[in-house]
Amino acid sequence: MKETPFRLVYECNAMLPVEISVQTPRTASVNEDDNIENRRTELDLVEENRNKSTLQQLAAKQAIARKYNKKLKPMTFSEGDLVLRQIKDVRKPPGHGKLSANWEGPFRIFKVIGKDAYKIQTLDGSILANNWNISSLRMYYS
C-alpha cells in the first residue's frame, strides 16, 4: 500500500491552497454531506489501517531477519582449539593509544562450560581465572 507521508500522519489526502481558490475538477465535485460521511468512514477504518501497517512492518522485519540469519554462521569452539582473546579498554595498557593491539593470545580452550562460555588457558598450561564468552574470543589460525 503506497501512501503519502501526509496521509500517514493526518489520515486524509492533502489539498493545495491553489486548488481551493481556483475551481478544479477535484474541488468542484466536493459535496459537504458526502465529505462528512467519508470522513466518518475513514475514522472508523483508522484502527484497521494501523493494524494492517503493523502487520506489514512485522513481515518486513521477519524478511530482513531471515536474510541476515541465512548468511550468519554460528561459531563454536571445542577443547584444544587455539583462540585469541579480545582486549577491552579496561585491560589495555595505558599510554599505547589507538595503535595498541585489540587481540591477545593465543590461548587454548581448556573446557567448554556451557552455551557460548569457555574456560581458557595459556599455552604453557596456566588456566585463566575467568570464564570467557564467545563474543570475546576469535579463532586463531597459525
C-alpha atoms as a PDB file:
ATOM      1  CA  MET A   1       0.000   0.000   0.000  1.00  0.00           C
ATOM      2  CA  LYS A   2       1.690   3.184  -1.190  1.00  0.00           C
ATOM      3  CA  GLU A   3       0.740   6.176   0.927  1.00  0.00           C
ATOM      4  CA  THR A   4       1.927   9.762   1.025  1.00  0.00           C
ATOM      5  CA  PRO A   5       3.563  10.998   4.228  1.00  0.00           C
ATOM      6  CA  PHE A   6       0.706  13.471   4.716  1.00  0.00           C
ATOM      7  CA  ARG A   7      -1.869  10.682   4.594  1.00  0.00           C
ATOM      8  CA  LEU A   8       0.136   8.568   7.022  1.00  0.00           C
ATOM      9  CA  VAL A   9       0.226  11.398   9.555  1.00  0.00           C
ATOM     10  CA  TYR A  10      -3.177  13.034   9.132  1.00  0.00           C
ATOM     11  CA  GLU A  11      -5.085  10.093   7.564  1.00  0.00           C
ATOM     12  CA  CYS A  12      -6.515  12.192   4.739  1.00  0.00           C
ATOM     13  CA  ASN A  13      -5.344  13.419   1.350  1.00  0.00           C
ATOM     14  CA  ALA A  14      -3.684  16.813   1.123  1.00  0.00           C
ATOM     15  CA  MET A  15      -5.161  19.635  -0.951  1.00  0.00           C
ATOM     16  CA  LEU A  16      -3.086  22.549  -2.180  1.00  0.00           C
ATOM     17  CA  PRO A  17      -4.271  26.114  -1.450  1.00  0.00           C
ATOM     18  CA  VAL A  18      -4.310  26.800  -5.200  1.00  0.00           C
ATOM     19  CA  GLU A  19      -6.845  24.005  -5.662  1.00  0.00           C
ATOM     20  CA  ILE A  20      -9.185  25.657  -3.155  1.00  0.00           C
ATOM     21  CA  SER A  21      -9.063  29.153  -4.694  1.00  0.00           C
ATOM     22  CA  VAL A  22      -9.332  28.001  -8.321  1.00  0.00           C
ATOM     23  CA  GLN A  23     -12.081  25.677  -9.458  1.00  0.00           C
ATOM     24  CA  THR A  24     -10.591  22.305 -10.327  1.00  0.00           C
ATOM     25  CA  PRO A  25     -12.437  19.045 -11.014  1.00  0.00           C
ATOM     26  CA  ARG A  26     -11.437  17.874  -7.567  1.00  0.00           C
ATOM     27  CA  THR A  27     -12.906  20.898  -5.748  1.00  0.00           C
ATOM     28  CA  ALA A  28     -15.963  21.197  -7.998  1.00  0.00           C
ATOM     29  CA  SER A  29     -17.115  17.686  -7.118  1.00  0.00           C
ATOM     30  CA  VAL A  30     -16.968  18.248  -3.330  1.00  0.00           C
ATOM     31  CA  ASN A  31     -20.225  17.674  -1.519  1.00  0.00           C
ATOM     32  CA  GLU A  32     -20.193  18.617   2.179  1.00  0.00           C
ATOM     33  CA  ASP A  33     -22.542  15.833   3.268  1.00  0.00           C
ATOM     34  CA  ASP A  34     -20.551  13.204   1.383  1.00  0.00           C
ATOM     35  CA  ASN A  35     -17.358  14.705   2.734  1.00  0.00           C
ATOM     36  CA  ILE A  36     -18.535  14.365   6.341  1.00  0.00           C
ATOM     37  CA  GLU A  37     -19.722  10.804   5.719  1.00  0.00           C
ATOM     38  CA  ASN A  38     -16.419   9.869   4.061  1.00  0.00           C
ATOM     39  CA  ARG A  39     -14.515  11.344   6.986  1.00  0.00           C
ATOM     40  CA  ARG A  40     -16.540   9.273   9.475  1.00  0.00           C
ATOM     41  CA  THR A  41     -15.855   6.151   7.400  1.00  0.00           C
ATOM     42  CA  GLU A  42     -12.126   6.923   7.381  1.00  0.00           C
ATOM     43  CA  LEU A  43     -12.162   7.399  11.154  1.00  0.00           C
ATOM     44  CA  ASP A  44     -13.890   4.040  11.550  1.00  0.00           C
ATOM     45  CA  LEU A  45     -11.161   2.378   9.476  1.00  0.00           C
ATOM     46  CA  VAL A  46      -8.235   4.029  11.288  1.00  0.00           C
ATOM     47  CA  GLU A  47      -7.675   1.110  13.640  1.00  0.00           C
ATOM     48  CA  GLU A  48      -7.838  -1.389  10.780  1.00  0.00           C
ATOM     49  CA  ASN A  49      -5.303   0.623   8.762  1.00  0.00           C
ATOM     50  CA  ARG A  50      -2.973   0.779  11.754  1.00  0.00           C
ATOM     51  CA  ASN A  51      -3.221  -2.979  12.277  1.00  0.00           C
ATOM     52  CA  LYS A  52      -2.530  -3.572   8.600  1.00  0.00           C
ATOM     53  CA  SER A  53       0.548  -1.344   8.652  1.00  0.00           C
ATOM     54  CA  THR A  54       1.779  -3.060  11.853  1.00  0.00           C
ATOM     55  CA  LEU A  55       1.467  -6.454  10.180  1.00  0.00           C
ATOM     56  CA  GLN A  56       3.329  -5.183   7.113  1.00  0.00           C
ATOM     57  CA  GLN A  57       6.089  -3.820   9.337  1.00  0.00           C
ATOM     58  CA  LEU A  58       6.414  -7.148  11.185  1.00  0.00           C
ATOM     59  CA  ALA A  59       6.546  -9.047   7.890  1.00  0.00           C
ATOM     60  CA  ALA A  60       9.307  -6.746   6.637  1.00  0.00           C
ATOM     61  CA  LYS A  61      11.299  -7.228   9.855  1.00  0.00           C
ATOM     62  CA  GLN A  62      10.946 -11.002   9.595  1.00  0.00           C
ATOM     63  CA  ALA A  63      12.121 -10.943   5.975  1.00  0.00           C
ATOM     64  CA  ILE A  64      15.172  -8.878   6.956  1.00  0.00           C
ATOM     65  CA  ALA A  65      15.922 -11.241   9.852  1.00  0.00           C
ATOM     66  CA  ARG A  66      15.641 -14.302   7.576  1.00  0.00           C
ATOM     67  CA  LYS A  67      18.015 -12.748   5.058  1.00  0.00           C
ATOM     68  CA  TYR A  68      20.512 -11.828   7.781  1.00  0.00           C
ATOM     69  CA  ASN A  69      20.334 -15.202   9.544  1.00  0.00           C
ATOM     70  CA  LYS A  70      20.838 -17.045   6.264  1.00  0.00           C
ATOM     71  CA  LYS A  71      24.339 -15.558   5.998  1.00  0.00           C
ATOM     72  CA  LEU A  72      25.157 -15.916   9.692  1.00  0.00           C
ATOM     73  CA  LYS A  73      27.408 -18.839  10.570  1.00  0.00           C
ATOM     74  CA  PRO A  74      27.270 -19.933  14.212  1.00  0.00           C
ATOM     75  CA  MET A  75      30.680 -20.126  15.848  1.00  0.00           C
ATOM     76  CA  THR A  76      31.620 -22.725  18.438  1.00  0.00           C
ATOM     77  CA  PHE A  77      34.921 -23.911  19.860  1.00  0.00           C
ATOM     78  CA  SER A  78      35.928 -27.308  21.158  1.00  0.00           C
ATOM     79  CA  GLU A  79      38.536 -28.251  23.742  1.00  0.00           C
ATOM     80  CA  GLY A  80      42.063 -27.774  22.452  1.00  0.00           C
ATOM     81  CA  ASP A  81      41.237 -25.071  19.882  1.00  0.00           C
ATOM     82  CA  LEU A  82      43.540 -22.070  19.759  1.00  0.00           C
ATOM     83  CA  VAL A  83      41.802 -18.716  20.209  1.00  0.00           C
ATOM     84  CA  LEU A  84      42.581 -15.037  20.576  1.00  0.00           C
ATOM     85  CA  ARG A  85      41.050 -13.025  23.410  1.00  0.00           C
ATOM     86  CA  GLN A  86      39.730  -9.514  22.844  1.00  0.00           C
ATOM     87  CA  ILE A  87      41.432  -6.778  24.845  1.00  0.00           C
ATOM     88  CA  LYS A  88      38.786  -4.496  26.314  1.00  0.00           C
ATOM     89  CA  ASP A  89      39.599  -0.845  27.039  1.00  0.00           C
ATOM     90  CA  VAL A  90      39.951  -1.631  30.743  1.00  0.00           C
ATOM     91  CA  ARG A  91      42.760  -4.131  30.161  1.00  0.00           C
ATOM     92  CA  LYS A  92      44.639  -2.091  27.533  1.00  0.00           C
ATOM     93  CA  PRO A  93      47.994  -0.829  28.742  1.00  0.00           C
ATOM     94  CA  PRO A  94      47.911   2.935  29.336  1.00  0.00           C
ATOM     95  CA  GLY A  95      49.944   5.098  27.006  1.00  0.00           C
ATOM     96  CA  HIS A  96      49.664   2.862  23.940  1.00  0.00           C
ATOM     97  CA  GLY A  97      46.801   4.830  22.407  1.00  0.00           C
ATOM     98  CA  LYS A  98      44.720   3.728  19.466  1.00  0.00           C
ATOM     99  CA  LEU A  99      47.541   1.778  17.847  1.00  0.00           C
ATOM    100  CA  SER A 100      47.696  -0.826  20.618  1.00  0.00           C
ATOM    101  CA  ALA A 101      46.649  -4.403  19.842  1.00  0.00           C
ATOM    102  CA  ASN A 102      42.966  -5.297  20.062  1.00  0.00           C
ATOM    103  CA  TRP A 103      43.504  -9.053  20.469  1.00  0.00           C
ATOM    104  CA  GLU A 104      45.916 -11.010  22.627  1.00  0.00           C
ATOM    105  CA  GLY A 105      46.936 -14.619  22.688  1.00  0.00           C
ATOM    106  CA  PRO A 106      46.928 -17.305  21.523  1.00  0.00           C
ATOM    107  CA  PHE A 107      45.134 -19.229  24.258  1.00  0.00           C
ATOM    108  CA  ARG A 108      43.871 -22.803  24.292  1.00  0.00           C
ATOM    109  CA  ILE A 109      40.283 -23.765  25.074  1.00  0.00           C
ATOM    110  CA  PHE A 110      40.574 -25.713  28.328  1.00  0.00           C
ATOM    111  CA  LYS A 111      36.936 -26.503  28.976  1.00  0.00           C
ATOM    112  CA  VAL A 112      33.547 -25.872  27.365  1.00  0.00           C
ATOM    113  CA  ILE A 113      31.388 -24.673  30.264  1.00  0.00           C
ATOM    114  CA  GLY A 114      28.045 -24.163  28.598  1.00  0.00           C
ATOM    115  CA  LYS A 115      26.334 -22.274  25.849  1.00  0.00           C
ATOM    116  CA  ASP A 116      28.951 -19.849  24.477  1.00  0.00           C
ATOM    117  CA  ALA A 117      31.040 -19.892  27.701  1.00  0.00           C
ATOM    118  CA  TYR A 118      34.582 -21.222  27.827  1.00  0.00           C
ATOM    119  CA  LYS A 119      37.473 -21.669  30.245  1.00  0.00           C
ATOM    120  CA  ILE A 120      40.798 -20.859  28.569  1.00  0.00           C
ATOM    121  CA  GLN A 121      44.437 -21.466  29.425  1.00  0.00           C
ATOM    122  CA  THR A 122      47.726 -20.065  28.210  1.00  0.00           C
ATOM    123  CA  LEU A 123      49.934 -22.205  26.002  1.00  0.00           C
ATOM    124  CA  ASP A 124      52.215 -23.011  28.946  1.00  0.00           C
ATOM    125  CA  GLY A 125      49.251 -24.578  30.801  1.00  0.00           C
ATOM    126  CA  SER A 126      48.182 -21.967  33.380  1.00  0.00           C
ATOM    127  CA  ILE A 127      44.385 -21.618  33.490  1.00  0.00           C
ATOM    128  CA  LEU A 128      42.900 -18.093  33.438  1.00  0.00           C
ATOM    129  CA  ALA A 129      40.636 -17.218  36.349  1.00  0.00           C
ATOM    130  CA  ASN A 130      37.546 -16.010  34.494  1.00  0.00           C
ATOM    131  CA  ASN A 131      35.138 -17.651  32.099  1.00  0.00           C
ATOM    132  CA  TRP A 132      35.086 -16.141  28.626  1.00  0.00           C
ATOM    133  CA  ASN A 133      32.106 -15.578  26.372  1.00  0.00           C
ATOM    134  CA  ILE A 134      32.323 -16.474  22.700  1.00  0.00           C
ATOM    135  CA  SER A 135      31.827 -12.802  21.776  1.00  0.00           C
ATOM    136  CA  SER A 136      35.251 -12.038  23.316  1.00  0.00           C
ATOM    137  CA  LEU A 137      37.029 -14.904  21.555  1.00  0.00           C
ATOM    138  CA  ARG A 138      38.134 -15.458  17.985  1.00  0.00           C
ATOM    139  CA  MET A 139      39.698 -18.462  16.259  1.00  0.00           C
ATOM    140  CA  TYR A 140      43.488 -18.310  15.987  1.00  0.00           C
ATOM    141  CA  TYR A 141      44.961 -19.526  12.714  1.00  0.00           C
ATOM    142  CA  SER A 142      48.692 -20.176  12.746  1.00  0.00           C
END
